[in-house]
């Protein structure tokens, strides 16, 4: 492949050509960014456990709310009261 003319600008990404990104902040070197991206793709998805815990916590709270509504309902309270009073009558 022939060498580029000495006055031709090297081909670079637009982020590094100006030295800043779209927000005007200094752009990270592309080599370091590419290495980090490769490392992130190679590692296991550690964030999945956090998402699974969040979904499990929401499901547990929803189940607890439904269970609370059932237990504090009139028929369940009456049934539990009858059970306790019959148990006390057996003991006496």
PDB file of N, CA and C in Angstrom:
ATOM      1  N   UNK A   1       0.853  -1.173   0.000  1.00  0.00           N
ATOM      2  CA  UNK A   1       0.000   0.000   0.000  1.00  0.00           C
ATOM      3  C   UNK A   1       0.894   1.230   0.000  1.00  0.00           C
ATOM      4  N   UNK A   2       0.651   2.187  -0.885  1.00  0.00           N
ATOM      5  CA  UNK A   2       1.518   3.364  -0.943  1.00  0.00           C
ATOM      6  C   UNK A   2       1.307   4.247   0.271  1.00  0.00           C
ATOM      7  N   UNK A   3       2.368   4.941   0.649  1.00  0.00           N
ATOM      8  CA  UNK A   3       2.292   5.859   1.777  1.00  0.00           C
ATOM      9  C   UNK A   3       1.435   7.056   1.414  1.00  0.00           C
ATOM     10  N   UNK A   4       0.781   7.628   2.402  1.00  0.00           N
ATOM     11  CA  UNK A   4      -0.044   8.809   2.180  1.00  0.00           C
ATOM     12  C   UNK A   4       0.857  10.004   1.939  1.00  0.00           C
ATOM     13  N   UNK A   5       0.327  10.963   1.248  1.00  0.00           N
ATOM     14  CA  UNK A   5       1.093  12.175   0.985  1.00  0.00           C
ATOM     15  C   UNK A   5       1.405  12.855   2.303  1.00  0.00           C
ATOM     16  N   UNK A   6       2.566  13.489   2.445  1.00  0.00           N
ATOM     17  CA  UNK A   6       2.942  14.103   3.719  1.00  0.00           C
ATOM     18  C   UNK A   6       2.004  15.208   4.160  1.00  0.00           C
ATOM     19  N   UNK A   7       1.333  15.867   3.231  1.00  0.00           N
ATOM     20  CA  UNK A   7       0.445  16.959   3.628  1.00  0.00           C
ATOM     21  C   UNK A   7      -0.981  16.482   3.892  1.00  0.00           C
ATOM     22  N   UNK A   8      -1.286  15.184   3.683  1.00  0.00           N
ATOM     23  CA  UNK A   8      -2.625  14.662   3.937  1.00  0.00           C
ATOM     24  C   UNK A   8      -2.799  14.418   5.431  1.00  0.00           C
ATOM     25  N   UNK A   9      -3.972  14.758   5.921  1.00  0.00           N
ATOM     26  CA  UNK A   9      -4.269  14.560   7.346  1.00  0.00           C
ATOM     27  C   UNK A   9      -4.565  13.089   7.596  1.00  0.00           C
ATOM     28  N   UNK A  10      -4.118  12.550   8.715  1.00  0.00           N
ATOM     29  CA  UNK A  10      -4.420  11.151   9.006  1.00  0.00           C
ATOM     30  C   UNK A  10      -5.909  10.975   9.266  1.00  0.00           C
ATOM     31  N   UNK A  11      -6.416   9.791   8.914  1.00  0.00           N
ATOM     32  CA  UNK A  11      -7.832   9.522   9.134  1.00  0.00           C
ATOM     33  C   UNK A  11      -8.052   9.199  10.600  1.00  0.00           C
ATOM     34  N   UNK A  12      -8.885   9.982  11.259  1.00  0.00           N
ATOM     35  CA  UNK A  12      -9.214   9.749  12.670  1.00  0.00           C
ATOM     36  C   UNK A  12     -10.705   9.903  12.847  1.00  0.00           C
ATOM     37  N   UNK A  13     -11.198   9.405  13.959  1.00  0.00           N
ATOM     38  CA  UNK A  13     -12.613   9.551  14.278  1.00  0.00           C
ATOM     39  C   UNK A  13     -12.912  11.015  14.548  1.00  0.00           C
ATOM     40  N   UNK A  14     -14.124  11.472  14.269  1.00  0.00           N
ATOM     41  CA  UNK A  14     -14.450  12.884  14.488  1.00  0.00           C
ATOM     42  C   UNK A  14     -14.297  13.314  15.937  1.00  0.00           C
ATOM     43  N   UNK A  15     -14.492  12.353  16.901  1.00  0.00           N
ATOM     44  CA  UNK A  15     -14.377  12.734  18.305  1.00  0.00           C
ATOM     45  C   UNK A  15     -12.950  13.146  18.658  1.00  0.00           C
ATOM     46  N   UNK A  16     -11.971  12.441  18.077  1.00  0.00           N
ATOM     47  CA  UNK A  16     -10.596  12.728  18.437  1.00  0.00           C
ATOM     48  C   UNK A  16      -9.957  13.748  17.512  1.00  0.00           C
ATOM     49  N   UNK A  17     -10.571  13.978  16.342  1.00  0.00           N
ATOM     50  CA  UNK A  17      -9.972  14.928  15.414  1.00  0.00           C
ATOM     51  C   UNK A  17      -9.966  16.325  16.026  1.00  0.00           C
ATOM     52  N   UNK A  18     -11.062  16.696  16.661  1.00  0.00           N
ATOM     53  CA  UNK A  18     -11.142  18.020  17.270  1.00  0.00           C
ATOM     54  C   UNK A  18     -10.615  18.005  18.692  1.00  0.00           C
ATOM     55  N   UNK A  19     -10.472  16.821  19.287  1.00  0.00           N
ATOM     56  CA  UNK A  19      -9.979  16.722  20.650  1.00  0.00           C
ATOM     57  C   UNK A  19     -11.053  16.825  21.702  1.00  0.00           C
ATOM     58  N   UNK A  20     -12.299  17.013  21.274  1.00  0.00           N
ATOM     59  CA  UNK A  20     -13.405  17.086  22.227  1.00  0.00           C
ATOM     60  C   UNK A  20     -14.571  16.280  21.685  1.00  0.00           C
ATOM     61  N   UNK A  21     -15.476  15.906  22.589  1.00  0.00           N
ATOM     62  CA  UNK A  21     -16.678  15.203  22.155  1.00  0.00           C
ATOM     63  C   UNK A  21     -17.789  16.204  21.901  1.00  0.00           C
ATOM     64  N   UNK A  22     -19.025  15.715  21.716  1.00  0.00           N
ATOM     65  CA  UNK A  22     -20.146  16.599  21.393  1.00  0.00           C
ATOM     66  C   UNK A  22     -20.464  17.586  22.507  1.00  0.00           C
ATOM     67  N   UNK A  23     -20.197  17.208  23.756  1.00  0.00           N
ATOM     68  CA  UNK A  23     -20.493  18.082  24.893  1.00  0.00           C
ATOM     69  C   UNK A  23     -19.370  19.077  25.159  1.00  0.00           C
ATOM     70  N   UNK A  24     -18.302  19.020  24.375  1.00  0.00           N
ATOM     71  CA  UNK A  24     -17.193  19.932  24.575  1.00  0.00           C
ATOM     72  C   UNK A  24     -16.178  19.434  25.579  1.00  0.00           C
ATOM     73  N   UNK A  25     -16.358  18.209  26.066  1.00  0.00           N
ATOM     74  CA  UNK A  25     -15.427  17.628  27.026  1.00  0.00           C
ATOM     75  C   UNK A  25     -14.295  16.946  26.284  1.00  0.00           C
ATOM     76  N   UNK A  26     -13.144  16.794  26.914  1.00  0.00           N
ATOM     77  CA  UNK A  26     -12.044  16.091  26.240  1.00  0.00           C
ATOM     78  C   UNK A  26     -12.452  14.653  25.930  1.00  0.00           C
ATOM     79  N   UNK A  27     -12.182  14.213  24.721  1.00  0.00           N
ATOM     80  CA  UNK A  27     -12.533  12.856  24.303  1.00  0.00           C
ATOM     81  C   UNK A  27     -11.497  11.883  24.841  1.00  0.00           C
ATOM     82  N   UNK A  28     -11.947  10.691  25.288  1.00  0.00           N
ATOM     83  CA  UNK A  28     -10.986   9.693  25.764  1.00  0.00           C
ATOM     84  C   UNK A  28     -10.214   9.128  24.578  1.00  0.00           C
ATOM     85  N   UNK A  29      -9.007   8.668  24.809  1.00  0.00           N
ATOM     86  CA  UNK A  29      -8.261   8.053  23.722  1.00  0.00           C
ATOM     87  C   UNK A  29      -9.007   6.822  23.208  1.00  0.00           C
ATOM     88  N   UNK A  30      -9.056   6.655  21.888  1.00  0.00           N
ATOM     89  CA  UNK A  30      -9.829   5.555  21.321  1.00  0.00           C
ATOM     90  C   UNK A  30      -9.255   4.202  21.698  1.00  0.00           C
ATOM     91  N   UNK A  31      -7.963   4.075  21.877  1.00  0.00           N
ATOM     92  CA  UNK A  31      -7.375   2.797  22.251  1.00  0.00           C
ATOM     93  C   UNK A  31      -7.850   2.338  23.616  1.00  0.00           C
ATOM     94  N   UNK A  32      -7.889   3.244  24.561  1.00  0.00           N
ATOM     95  CA  UNK A  32      -8.338   2.899  25.910  1.00  0.00           C
ATOM     96  C   UNK A  32      -9.829   2.575  25.916  1.00  0.00           C
ATOM     97  N   UNK A  33     -10.598   3.317  25.133  1.00  0.00           N
ATOM     98  CA  UNK A  33     -12.031   3.086  25.051  1.00  0.00           C
ATOM     99  C   UNK A  33     -12.319   1.733  24.403  1.00  0.00           C
ATOM    100  N   UNK A  34     -11.591   1.404  23.345  1.00  0.00           N
ATOM    101  CA  UNK A  34     -11.785   0.122  22.678  1.00  0.00           C
ATOM    102  C   UNK A  34     -11.387  -1.025  23.600  1.00  0.00           C
ATOM    103  N   UNK A  35     -10.330  -0.858  24.377  1.00  0.00           N
ATOM    104  CA  UNK A  35      -9.910  -1.904  25.308  1.00  0.00           C
ATOM    105  C   UNK A  35     -10.954  -2.109  26.399  1.00  0.00           C
ATOM    106  N   UNK A  36     -11.529  -1.026  26.889  1.00  0.00           N
ATOM    107  CA  UNK A  36     -12.564  -1.147  27.925  1.00  0.00           C
ATOM    108  C   UNK A  36     -13.804  -1.830  27.365  1.00  0.00           C
ATOM    109  N   UNK A  37     -14.193  -1.480  26.142  1.00  0.00           N
ATOM    110  CA  UNK A  37     -15.365  -2.089  25.533  1.00  0.00           C
ATOM    111  C   UNK A  37     -15.144  -3.593  25.351  1.00  0.00           C
ATOM    112  N   UNK A  38     -13.957  -3.976  24.921  1.00  0.00           N
ATOM    113  CA  UNK A  38     -13.655  -5.394  24.753  1.00  0.00           C
ATOM    114  C   UNK A  38     -13.687  -6.120  26.093  1.00  0.00           C
ATOM    115  N   UNK A  39     -13.194  -5.477  27.153  1.00  0.00           N
ATOM    116  CA  UNK A  39     -13.200  -6.081  28.476  1.00  0.00           C
ATOM    117  C   UNK A  39     -14.639  -6.241  28.981  1.00  0.00           C
ATOM    118  N   UNK A  40     -15.496  -5.248  28.737  1.00  0.00           N
ATOM    119  CA  UNK A  40     -16.890  -5.337  29.172  1.00  0.00           C
ATOM    120  C   UNK A  40     -17.636  -6.437  28.439  1.00  0.00           C
ATOM    121  N   UNK A  41     -17.325  -6.621  27.161  1.00  0.00           N
ATOM    122  CA  UNK A  41     -17.988  -7.673  26.403  1.00  0.00           C
ATOM    123  C   UNK A  41     -17.521  -9.051  26.844  1.00  0.00           C
ATOM    124  N   UNK A  42     -16.275  -9.169  27.298  1.00  0.00           N
ATOM    125  CA  UNK A  42     -15.726 -10.461  27.687  1.00  0.00           C
ATOM    126  C   UNK A  42     -16.177 -10.895  29.081  1.00  0.00           C
ATOM    127  N   UNK A  43     -16.495  -9.946  29.962  1.00  0.00           N
ATOM    128  CA  UNK A  43     -16.881 -10.273  31.330  1.00  0.00           C
ATOM    129  C   UNK A  43     -18.322 -10.752  31.391  1.00  0.00           C
ATOM    130  N   UNK A  44     -18.628 -11.492  32.440  1.00  0.00           N
ATOM    131  CA  UNK A  44     -19.997 -11.944  32.668  1.00  0.00           C
ATOM    132  C   UNK A  44     -20.877 -10.754  33.027  1.00  0.00           C
ATOM    133  N   UNK A  45     -22.169 -10.913  32.853  1.00  0.00           N
ATOM    134  CA  UNK A  45     -23.098  -9.825  33.143  1.00  0.00           C
ATOM    135  C   UNK A  45     -23.380  -9.769  34.637  1.00  0.00           C
ATOM    136  N   UNK A  46     -22.566  -9.029  35.365  1.00  0.00           N
ATOM    137  CA  UNK A  46     -22.709  -8.953  36.816  1.00  0.00           C
ATOM    138  C   UNK A  46     -23.948  -8.161  37.217  1.00  0.00           C
ATOM    139  N   UNK A  47     -24.419  -7.258  36.386  1.00  0.00           N
ATOM    140  CA  UNK A  47     -25.577  -6.438  36.714  1.00  0.00           C
ATOM    141  C   UNK A  47     -26.887  -7.196  36.697  1.00  0.00           C
ATOM    142  N   UNK A  48     -26.906  -8.367  36.112  1.00  0.00           N
ATOM    143  CA  UNK A  48     -28.143  -9.123  36.045  1.00  0.00           C
ATOM    144  C   UNK A  48     -28.628  -9.538  37.425  1.00  0.00           C
ATOM    145  N   UNK A  49     -27.731  -9.830  38.332  1.00  0.00           N
ATOM    146  CA  UNK A  49     -28.171 -10.244  39.659  1.00  0.00           C
ATOM    147  C   UNK A  49     -28.904  -9.103  40.358  1.00  0.00           C
ATOM    148  N   UNK A  50     -28.456  -7.884  40.147  1.00  0.00           N
ATOM    149  CA  UNK A  50     -29.132  -6.732  40.749  1.00  0.00           C
ATOM    150  C   UNK A  50     -30.536  -6.585  40.184  1.00  0.00           C
ATOM    151  N   UNK A  51     -30.692  -6.751  38.885  1.00  0.00           N
ATOM    152  CA  UNK A  51     -32.013  -6.646  38.273  1.00  0.00           C
ATOM    153  C   UNK A  51     -32.919  -7.781  38.756  1.00  0.00           C
ATOM    154  N   UNK A  52     -32.364  -8.964  38.893  1.00  0.00           N
ATOM    155  CA  UNK A  52     -33.170 -10.086  39.377  1.00  0.00           C
ATOM    156  C   UNK A  52     -33.611  -9.869  40.821  1.00  0.00           C
ATOM    157  N   UNK A  53     -32.723  -9.332  41.646  1.00  0.00           N
ATOM    158  CA  UNK A  53     -33.107  -9.028  43.025  1.00  0.00           C
ATOM    159  C   UNK A  53     -34.201  -7.972  43.065  1.00  0.00           C
ATOM    160  N   UNK A  54     -34.117  -6.980  42.204  1.00  0.00           N
ATOM    161  CA  UNK A  54     -35.133  -5.927  42.176  1.00  0.00           C
ATOM    162  C   UNK A  54     -36.491  -6.499  41.789  1.00  0.00           C
ATOM    163  N   UNK A  55     -36.530  -7.341  40.766  1.00  0.00           N
ATOM    164  CA  UNK A  55     -37.801  -7.949  40.346  1.00  0.00           C
ATOM    165  C   UNK A  55     -38.333  -8.865  41.442  1.00  0.00           C
ATOM    166  N   UNK A  56     -37.465  -9.626  42.073  1.00  0.00           N
ATOM    167  CA  UNK A  56     -37.886 -10.503  43.160  1.00  0.00           C
ATOM    168  C   UNK A  56     -38.429  -9.727  44.343  1.00  0.00           C
ATOM    169  N   UNK A  57     -37.805  -8.607  44.665  1.00  0.00           N
ATOM    170  CA  UNK A  57     -38.275  -7.769  45.775  1.00  0.00           C
ATOM    171  C   UNK A  57     -39.641  -7.180  45.472  1.00  0.00           C
ATOM    172  N   UNK A  58     -39.852  -6.716  44.253  1.00  0.00           N
ATOM    173  CA  UNK A  58     -41.155  -6.160  43.877  1.00  0.00           C
ATOM    174  C   UNK A  58     -42.223  -7.248  43.927  1.00  0.00           C
ATOM    175  N   UNK A  59     -41.893  -8.446  43.447  1.00  0.00           N
ATOM    176  CA  UNK A  59     -42.862  -9.541  43.477  1.00  0.00           C
ATOM    177  C   UNK A  59     -43.199  -9.935  44.916  1.00  0.00           C
ATOM    178  N   UNK A  60     -42.177  -9.976  45.784  1.00  0.00           N
ATOM    179  CA  UNK A  60     -42.421 -10.316  47.185  1.00  0.00           C
ATOM    180  C   UNK A  60     -43.294  -9.271  47.870  1.00  0.00           C
ATOM    181  N   UNK A  61     -43.058  -8.007  47.571  1.00  0.00           N
ATOM    182  CA  UNK A  61     -43.887  -6.939  48.159  1.00  0.00           C
ATOM    183  C   UNK A  61     -45.328  -7.024  47.667  1.00  0.00           C
ATOM    184  N   UNK A  62     -45.507  -7.323  46.388  1.00  0.00           N
ATOM    185  CA  UNK A  62     -46.869  -7.462  45.858  1.00  0.00           C
ATOM    186  C   UNK A  62     -47.579  -8.639  46.508  1.00  0.00           C
ATOM    187  N   UNK A  63     -46.873  -9.755  46.667  1.00  0.00           N
ATOM    188  CA  UNK A  63     -47.463 -10.927  47.332  1.00  0.00           C
ATOM    189  C   UNK A  63     -47.807 -10.602  48.783  1.00  0.00           C
ATOM    190  N   UNK A  64     -46.928  -9.881  49.475  1.00  0.00           N
ATOM    191  CA  UNK A  64     -47.192  -9.508  50.864  1.00  0.00           C
ATOM    192  C   UNK A  64     -48.408  -8.594  50.963  1.00  0.00           C
ATOM    193  N   UNK A  65     -48.567  -7.683  50.016  1.00  0.00           N
ATOM    194  CA  UNK A  65     -49.728  -6.788  50.037  1.00  0.00           C
ATOM    195  C   UNK A  65     -51.022  -7.562  49.819  1.00  0.00           C
ATOM    196  N   UNK A  66     -51.022  -8.510  48.890  1.00  0.00           N
ATOM    197  CA  UNK A  66     -52.215  -9.325  48.655  1.00  0.00           C
ATOM    198  C   UNK A  66     -52.515 -10.181  49.876  1.00  0.00           C
ATOM    199  N   UNK A  67     -51.492 -10.781  50.454  1.00  0.00           N
ATOM    200  CA  UNK A  67     -51.683 -11.610  51.646  1.00  0.00           C
ATOM    201  C   UNK A  67     -52.217 -10.781  52.815  1.00  0.00           C
ATOM    202  N   UNK A  68     -51.719  -9.567  52.974  1.00  0.00           N
ATOM    203  CA  UNK A  68     -52.200  -8.683  54.045  1.00  0.00           C
ATOM    204  C   UNK A  68     -53.680  -8.370  53.859  1.00  0.00           C
ATOM    205  N   UNK A  69     -54.074  -8.079  52.606  1.00  0.00           N
ATOM    206  CA  UNK A  69     -55.484  -7.761  52.349  1.00  0.00           C
ATOM    207  C   UNK A  69     -56.380  -8.974  52.629  1.00  0.00           C
ATOM    208  N   UNK A  70     -55.890 -10.170  52.316  1.00  0.00           N
ATOM    209  CA  UNK A  70     -56.681 -11.375  52.556  1.00  0.00           C
ATOM    210  C   UNK A  70     -56.802 -11.642  54.054  1.00  0.00           C
ATOM    211  N   UNK A  71     -55.685 -11.523  54.770  1.00  0.00           N
ATOM    212  CA  UNK A  71     -55.679 -11.838  56.200  1.00  0.00           C
ATOM    213  C   UNK A  71     -56.486 -10.821  57.003  1.00  0.00           C
ATOM    214  N   UNK A  72     -56.457  -9.557  56.598  1.00  0.00           N
ATOM    215  CA  UNK A  72     -57.201  -8.540  57.353  1.00  0.00           C
ATOM    216  C   UNK A  72     -58.642  -8.419  56.885  1.00  0.00           C
ATOM    217  N   UNK A  73     -59.047  -9.240  55.918  1.00  0.00           N
ATOM    218  CA  UNK A  73     -60.448  -9.242  55.489  1.00  0.00           C
ATOM    219  C   UNK A  73     -61.348  -9.783  56.588  1.00  0.00           C
ATOM    220  N   UNK A  74     -62.616  -9.450  56.542  1.00  0.00           N
ATOM    221  CA  UNK A  74     -63.562  -9.823  57.596  1.00  0.00           C
ATOM    222  C   UNK A  74     -63.699 -11.312  57.805  1.00  0.00           C
ATOM    223  N   UNK A  75     -63.795 -12.097  56.759  1.00  0.00           N
ATOM    224  CA  UNK A  75     -64.039 -13.533  56.917  1.00  0.00           C
ATOM    225  C   UNK A  75     -62.832 -14.240  57.531  1.00  0.00           C
ATOM    226  N   UNK A  76     -61.635 -13.827  57.174  1.00  0.00           N
ATOM    227  CA  UNK A  76     -60.442 -14.469  57.727  1.00  0.00           C
ATOM    228  C   UNK A  76     -60.278 -14.115  59.198  1.00  0.00           C
ATOM    229  N   UNK A  77     -60.534 -12.867  59.543  1.00  0.00           N
ATOM    230  CA  UNK A  77     -60.425 -12.453  60.947  1.00  0.00           C
ATOM    231  C   UNK A  77     -61.457 -13.206  61.785  1.00  0.00           C
ATOM    232  N   UNK A  78     -62.646 -13.363  61.263  1.00  0.00           N
ATOM    233  CA  UNK A  78     -63.686 -14.115  61.973  1.00  0.00           C
ATOM    234  C   UNK A  78     -63.291 -15.586  62.130  1.00  0.00           C
ATOM    235  N   UNK A  79     -62.769 -16.169  61.062  1.00  0.00           N
ATOM    236  CA  UNK A  79     -62.362 -17.573  61.124  1.00  0.00           C
ATOM    237  C   UNK A  79     -61.222 -17.760  62.119  1.00  0.00           C
ATOM    238  N   UNK A  80     -60.251 -16.859  62.132  1.00  0.00           N
ATOM    239  CA  UNK A  80     -59.146 -16.965  63.092  1.00  0.00           C
ATOM    240  C   UNK A  80     -59.642 -16.774  64.526  1.00  0.00           C
ATOM    241  N   UNK A  81     -60.575 -15.850  64.715  1.00  0.00           N
ATOM    242  CA  UNK A  81     -61.160 -15.643  66.047  1.00  0.00           C
ATOM    243  C   UNK A  81     -61.896 -16.873  66.532  1.00  0.00           C
ATOM    244  N   UNK A  82     -62.666 -17.503  65.636  1.00  0.00           N
ATOM    245  CA  UNK A  82     -63.375 -18.734  65.994  1.00  0.00           C
ATOM    246  C   UNK A  82     -62.399 -19.857  66.324  1.00  0.00           C
ATOM    247  N   UNK A  83     -61.303 -19.945  65.581  1.00  0.00           N
ATOM    248  CA  UNK A  83     -60.294 -20.968  65.828  1.00  0.00           C
ATOM    249  C   UNK A  83     -59.655 -20.779  67.197  1.00  0.00           C
ATOM    250  N   UNK A  84     -59.315 -19.544  67.540  1.00  0.00           N
ATOM    251  CA  UNK A  84     -58.697 -19.270  68.834  1.00  0.00           C
ATOM    252  C   UNK A  84     -59.677 -19.555  69.968  1.00  0.00           C
ATOM    253  N   UNK A  85     -60.930 -19.134  69.812  1.00  0.00           N
ATOM    254  CA  UNK A  85     -61.905 -19.365  70.887  1.00  0.00           C
ATOM    255  C   UNK A  85     -62.193 -20.858  71.066  1.00  0.00           C
ATOM    256  N   UNK A  86     -62.237 -21.621  69.975  1.00  0.00           N
ATOM    257  CA  UNK A  86     -62.461 -23.082  70.113  1.00  0.00           C
ATOM    258  C   UNK A  86     -61.251 -23.748  70.754  1.00  0.00           C
ATOM    259  N   UNK A  87     -60.042 -23.272  70.448  1.00  0.00           N
ATOM    260  CA  UNK A  87     -58.851 -23.829  71.079  1.00  0.00           C
ATOM    261  C   UNK A  87     -58.837 -23.519  72.570  1.00  0.00           C
ATOM    262  N   UNK A  88     -59.283 -22.337  72.963  1.00  0.00           N
ATOM    263  CA  UNK A  88     -59.335 -21.978  74.382  1.00  0.00           C
ATOM    264  C   UNK A  88     -60.429 -22.786  75.092  1.00  0.00           C
ATOM    265  N   UNK A  89     -61.518 -23.118  74.433  1.00  0.00           N
ATOM    266  CA  UNK A  89     -62.568 -23.912  75.052  1.00  0.00           C
ATOM    267  C   UNK A  89     -62.097 -25.351  75.283  1.00  0.00           C
ATOM    268  N   UNK A  90     -61.262 -25.863  74.377  1.00  0.00           N
ATOM    269  CA  UNK A  90     -60.732 -27.211  74.552  1.00  0.00           C
ATOM    270  C   UNK A  90     -59.813 -27.250  75.762  1.00  0.00           C
ATOM    271  N   UNK A  91     -59.022 -26.213  75.959  1.00  0.00           N
ATOM    272  CA  UNK A  91     -58.069 -26.176  77.056  1.00  0.00           C
ATOM    273  C   UNK A  91     -58.738 -25.977  78.424  1.00  0.00           C
ATOM    274  N   UNK A  92     -59.942 -25.420  78.440  1.00  0.00           N
ATOM    275  CA  UNK A  92     -60.568 -25.141  79.738  1.00  0.00           C
ATOM    276  C   UNK A  92     -61.523 -26.210  80.182  1.00  0.00           C
TER     277      UNK A  92
END
